[in-house]
């Protein structure tokens, strides 16, 4: 039965862009007039879980063949995570490499560095722990002149305070491995680059436009998550304007 419903949904909504929950509920009810409200809720949840439909914001869906962005966790990044994961048990953190930005930009970054965000009350402790390891060049929330002059290699780590409720995900360090680390979602990466011209000075202007265009064109984006996080960085109005002015085809009927 579910496969029949899947085909009906794909046929009905494939070419219609985004559609809201009421429209989807009405269509599902027409297919099964005796469906209960609780069963309807479960069915929509199941459709999202199985990626038959993608939720782009709360109560808004699309039919899409876009990928979910899965960043590559290198052995070096996995080793780098061990200090914060093991020495600071239960500490909330988010770790990634700016090398990932090469997945989206036209001009490839010749050098890259790591970004480690941790709860603000533990920033200095984590900074000291990584500094003591003597394996890395460690910078504590560096200013523009330091970023441009010194933070320029894969042994550099920029440690910053983690904004509360940042969108992040746990990923395995290797395929089928039980060891996992916390990394940013694509929504967080996009908003961080947009909001922080100091840390991401090399990805501004047309390169940032390319970053967003590639992400919007090829990957699934949860706009509720994106806009909510932008709000936490005091950039909600600005990012909405930026998206509407530059990528209206991708955000039509999605942004309020």
Protein backbone atom coordinates (compact mmCIF):
# COMPACT_ATOMS: atom_id res chain seq x y z
CA UNK A 1 0.00 0.00 0.00
CA UNK A 2 2.80 2.44 0.90
CA UNK A 3 4.43 2.04 -2.53
CA UNK A 4 1.13 2.89 -4.23
CA UNK A 5 0.78 6.01 -2.08
CA UNK A 6 4.40 6.96 -2.79
CA UNK A 7 3.79 6.80 -6.54
CA UNK A 8 0.58 8.82 -6.24
CA UNK A 9 2.36 11.53 -4.23
CA UNK A 10 5.26 11.70 -6.68
CA UNK A 11 2.85 11.98 -9.61
CA UNK A 12 0.78 14.69 -7.91
CA UNK A 13 3.52 16.92 -6.48
CA UNK A 14 6.69 16.28 -8.50
CA UNK A 15 6.33 19.38 -10.67
CA UNK A 16 4.58 21.68 -8.19
CA UNK A 17 7.50 23.01 -6.18
CA UNK A 18 6.73 23.31 -2.48
CA UNK A 19 3.42 22.33 -0.88
CA UNK A 20 2.10 22.72 2.65
CA UNK A 21 0.80 20.22 5.15
CA UNK A 22 -2.86 21.06 4.54
CA UNK A 23 -2.49 20.35 0.81
CA UNK A 24 -0.71 17.08 1.51
CA UNK A 25 -3.24 16.08 4.18
CA UNK A 26 -6.12 16.77 1.82
CA UNK A 27 -4.53 14.64 -0.89
CA UNK A 28 -3.87 11.74 1.50
CA UNK A 29 -7.42 11.95 2.82
CA UNK A 30 -8.79 11.75 -0.73
CA UNK A 31 -6.75 8.57 -1.19
CA UNK A 32 -8.01 7.13 2.09
CA UNK A 33 -11.21 8.86 3.31
CA UNK A 34 -11.27 6.81 6.51
CA UNK A 35 -7.80 7.80 7.67
CA UNK A 36 -7.67 9.21 11.22
CA UNK A 37 -5.81 12.35 12.21
CA UNK A 38 -3.23 10.37 14.17
CA UNK A 39 -2.68 8.01 11.23
CA UNK A 40 -2.36 11.00 8.93
CA UNK A 41 0.32 12.52 11.18
CA UNK A 42 2.19 9.22 11.26
CA UNK A 43 1.98 8.83 7.48
CA UNK A 44 3.44 12.28 6.84
CA UNK A 45 6.20 11.57 9.36
CA UNK A 46 6.91 8.28 7.59
CA UNK A 47 7.03 9.97 4.17
CA UNK A 48 9.62 12.43 5.47
CA UNK A 49 11.63 9.71 7.21
CA UNK A 50 11.78 7.62 4.05
CA UNK A 51 12.73 10.70 1.97
CA UNK A 52 9.67 10.38 -0.28
CA UNK A 53 9.12 14.04 0.58
CA UNK A 54 11.60 16.51 2.07
CA UNK A 55 10.65 19.03 4.73
CA UNK A 56 12.20 22.38 3.83
CA UNK A 57 10.57 24.25 6.69
CA UNK A 58 7.95 23.52 9.32
CA UNK A 59 4.85 22.25 7.52
CA UNK A 60 6.28 22.81 4.02
CA UNK A 61 7.54 20.01 1.78
CA UNK A 62 9.02 19.34 -1.65
CA UNK A 63 9.61 16.34 -3.87
CA UNK A 64 13.34 16.39 -4.47
CA UNK A 65 16.18 14.21 -5.64
CA UNK A 66 18.77 16.45 -3.98
CA UNK A 67 21.38 14.83 -1.80
CA UNK A 68 21.82 15.11 1.95
CA UNK A 69 25.24 16.65 2.51
CA UNK A 70 27.56 14.10 4.12
CA UNK A 71 30.95 15.64 4.94
CA UNK A 72 34.09 13.53 4.76
CA UNK A 73 35.72 12.90 8.14
CA UNK A 74 39.44 12.49 7.59
CA UNK A 75 41.70 10.51 9.90
CA UNK A 76 43.28 13.77 11.01
CA UNK A 77 39.92 15.26 11.93
CA UNK A 78 39.01 12.09 13.82
CA UNK A 79 42.27 12.26 15.80
CA UNK A 80 41.70 15.93 16.46
CA UNK A 81 38.32 15.19 18.01
CA UNK A 82 39.73 12.84 20.64
CA UNK A 83 40.98 15.55 22.99
CA UNK A 84 37.63 17.30 23.34
CA UNK A 85 35.60 14.07 23.20
CA UNK A 86 37.63 12.19 25.82
CA UNK A 87 39.09 14.85 28.09
CA UNK A 88 35.90 16.90 28.28
CA UNK A 89 33.23 14.27 28.73
CA UNK A 90 29.70 15.45 27.87
CA UNK A 91 30.95 18.86 26.71
CA UNK A 92 28.90 20.19 23.81
CA UNK A 93 31.12 20.87 20.82
CA UNK A 94 31.18 21.10 17.03
CA UNK A 95 34.25 20.37 14.91
CA UNK A 96 34.96 20.66 11.19
CA UNK A 97 37.49 21.52 8.52
CA UNK A 98 37.27 24.47 6.14
CA UNK A 99 38.51 22.03 3.49
CA UNK A 100 34.84 21.02 3.24
CA UNK A 101 34.12 24.37 1.62
CA UNK A 102 35.91 23.13 -1.49
CA UNK A 103 32.83 20.99 -2.14
CA UNK A 104 30.95 24.21 -2.92
CA UNK A 105 33.29 26.90 -4.21
CA UNK A 106 34.58 27.64 -7.69
CA UNK A 107 38.16 28.36 -6.60
CA UNK A 108 39.59 25.69 -4.34
CA UNK A 109 41.15 26.68 -1.02
CA UNK A 110 44.87 25.97 -1.19
CA UNK A 111 45.17 25.86 2.59
CA UNK A 112 42.60 25.10 5.21
CA UNK A 113 42.22 24.95 8.98
CA UNK A 114 40.01 23.38 11.62
CA UNK A 115 37.24 25.05 13.58
CA UNK A 116 36.33 23.76 17.03
CA UNK A 117 33.40 25.40 18.81
CA UNK A 118 32.71 24.57 22.45
CA UNK A 119 30.46 25.83 25.22
CA UNK A 120 31.61 29.35 26.04
CA UNK A 121 32.45 28.58 29.69
CA UNK A 122 34.99 25.97 28.57
CA UNK A 123 36.66 27.81 25.69
CA UNK A 124 39.88 28.63 27.57
CA UNK A 125 40.18 25.14 29.10
CA UNK A 126 39.83 23.52 25.70
CA UNK A 127 42.27 26.04 24.21
CA UNK A 128 44.84 25.14 26.88
CA UNK A 129 44.33 21.40 26.39
CA UNK A 130 45.00 21.63 22.65
CA UNK A 131 47.91 24.02 23.16
CA UNK A 132 49.55 21.61 25.59
CA UNK A 133 49.43 18.81 23.04
CA UNK A 134 51.98 20.78 20.96
CA UNK A 135 50.68 19.12 17.80
CA UNK A 136 48.74 22.12 16.54
CA UNK A 137 48.83 25.88 16.21
CA UNK A 138 45.86 26.89 18.35
CA UNK A 139 44.06 30.25 18.12
CA UNK A 140 41.38 31.48 20.49
CA UNK A 141 38.68 33.34 18.52
CA UNK A 142 41.32 35.28 16.53
CA UNK A 143 40.77 38.71 15.08
CA UNK A 144 41.08 39.60 11.40
CA UNK A 145 44.81 40.36 11.31
CA UNK A 146 45.68 37.07 13.03
CA UNK A 147 43.37 35.09 10.74
CA UNK A 148 44.87 36.48 7.56
CA UNK A 149 48.53 36.37 8.65
CA UNK A 150 48.87 33.19 10.70
CA UNK A 151 45.89 30.82 10.43
CA UNK A 152 46.87 29.27 7.16
CA UNK A 153 47.58 25.55 7.43
CA UNK A 154 46.00 22.21 8.24
CA UNK A 155 47.73 22.20 11.62
CA UNK A 156 45.86 25.34 12.68
CA UNK A 157 42.83 25.13 14.96
CA UNK A 158 40.51 28.05 15.59
CA UNK A 159 38.62 27.65 18.86
CA UNK A 160 35.43 29.65 19.25
CA UNK A 161 32.40 29.72 21.58
CA UNK A 162 29.55 27.54 20.38
CA UNK A 163 26.28 29.38 19.86
CA UNK A 164 23.54 27.62 21.80
CA UNK A 165 21.29 25.28 19.82
CA UNK A 166 23.60 25.34 16.83
CA UNK A 167 22.46 22.83 14.17
CA UNK A 168 24.94 19.96 14.30
CA UNK A 169 24.96 16.24 13.66
CA UNK A 170 26.83 13.14 14.80
CA UNK A 171 28.75 11.35 12.08
CA UNK A 172 30.83 8.20 12.17
CA UNK A 173 34.58 8.69 11.89
CA UNK A 174 34.64 5.71 9.53
CA UNK A 175 31.97 3.74 7.72
CA UNK A 176 30.07 1.52 10.18
CA UNK A 177 32.25 2.77 13.04
CA UNK A 178 30.72 3.23 16.49
CA UNK A 179 32.99 6.21 17.10
CA UNK A 180 31.17 9.40 16.19
CA UNK A 181 31.92 13.10 16.38
CA UNK A 182 29.77 16.23 16.29
CA UNK A 183 30.03 18.28 13.10
CA UNK A 184 27.92 21.14 11.70
CA UNK A 185 25.00 20.60 9.40
CA UNK A 186 25.08 22.29 6.01
CA UNK A 187 22.64 24.91 7.34
CA UNK A 188 25.13 25.90 10.05
CA UNK A 189 28.05 26.05 7.62
CA UNK A 190 26.14 28.38 5.30
CA UNK A 191 25.06 30.75 8.06
CA UNK A 192 28.48 30.78 9.71
CA UNK A 193 30.16 31.76 6.44
CA UNK A 194 27.53 34.43 5.81
CA UNK A 195 27.75 35.83 9.35
CA UNK A 196 31.48 35.70 10.06
CA UNK A 197 33.56 37.58 7.51
CA UNK A 198 36.60 37.44 9.81
CA UNK A 199 36.95 33.68 10.11
CA UNK A 200 35.79 33.10 6.54
CA UNK A 201 37.51 36.05 4.90
CA UNK A 202 38.50 33.86 1.93
CA UNK A 203 34.87 32.93 1.16
CA UNK A 204 33.21 36.29 0.67
CA UNK A 205 31.68 38.15 -2.28
CA UNK A 206 31.24 36.01 -5.40
CA UNK A 207 32.74 32.96 -3.68
CA UNK A 208 30.03 33.09 -1.03
CA UNK A 209 27.42 33.40 -3.77
CA UNK A 210 28.84 30.27 -5.39
CA UNK A 211 28.81 28.49 -2.04
CA UNK A 212 25.11 29.19 -1.56
CA UNK A 213 24.18 28.46 -5.16
CA UNK A 214 25.89 25.06 -5.09
CA UNK A 215 24.33 24.17 -1.75
CA UNK A 216 20.83 25.21 -2.82
CA UNK A 217 21.08 23.53 -6.21
CA UNK A 218 22.49 20.17 -5.16
CA UNK A 219 21.68 19.55 -1.49
CA UNK A 220 18.64 19.35 0.73
CA UNK A 221 18.23 22.43 2.91
CA UNK A 222 15.97 22.70 5.94
CA UNK A 223 15.02 26.38 5.81
CA UNK A 224 13.45 26.38 9.26
CA UNK A 225 16.78 25.25 10.67
CA UNK A 226 18.68 27.71 8.48
CA UNK A 227 16.58 30.76 9.38
CA UNK A 228 16.30 29.86 13.07
CA UNK A 229 20.07 29.61 13.38
CA UNK A 230 20.50 32.86 11.44
CA UNK A 231 18.22 34.44 14.03
CA UNK A 232 20.48 33.18 16.82
CA UNK A 233 23.33 34.95 15.04
CA UNK A 234 21.19 38.12 14.65
CA UNK A 235 21.15 37.70 10.87
CA UNK A 236 17.58 36.57 10.17
CA UNK A 237 16.45 39.63 8.21
CA UNK A 238 19.73 39.90 6.36
CA UNK A 239 19.86 36.26 5.24
CA UNK A 240 16.25 36.33 4.07
CA UNK A 241 16.97 39.42 2.00
CA UNK A 242 20.17 37.87 0.64
CA UNK A 243 18.38 34.68 -0.41
CA UNK A 244 15.39 36.46 -1.92
CA UNK A 245 17.56 38.90 -3.87
CA UNK A 246 20.06 36.35 -5.18
CA UNK A 247 18.34 32.95 -5.20
CA UNK A 248 14.65 33.64 -5.60
CA UNK A 249 14.11 30.53 -7.76
CA UNK A 250 15.26 28.31 -4.90
CA UNK A 251 13.37 29.98 -2.06
CA UNK A 252 10.12 30.94 -3.79
CA UNK A 253 7.13 30.30 -1.50
CA UNK A 254 9.44 28.94 1.21
CA UNK A 255 10.63 32.07 3.00
CA UNK A 256 7.97 34.13 4.73
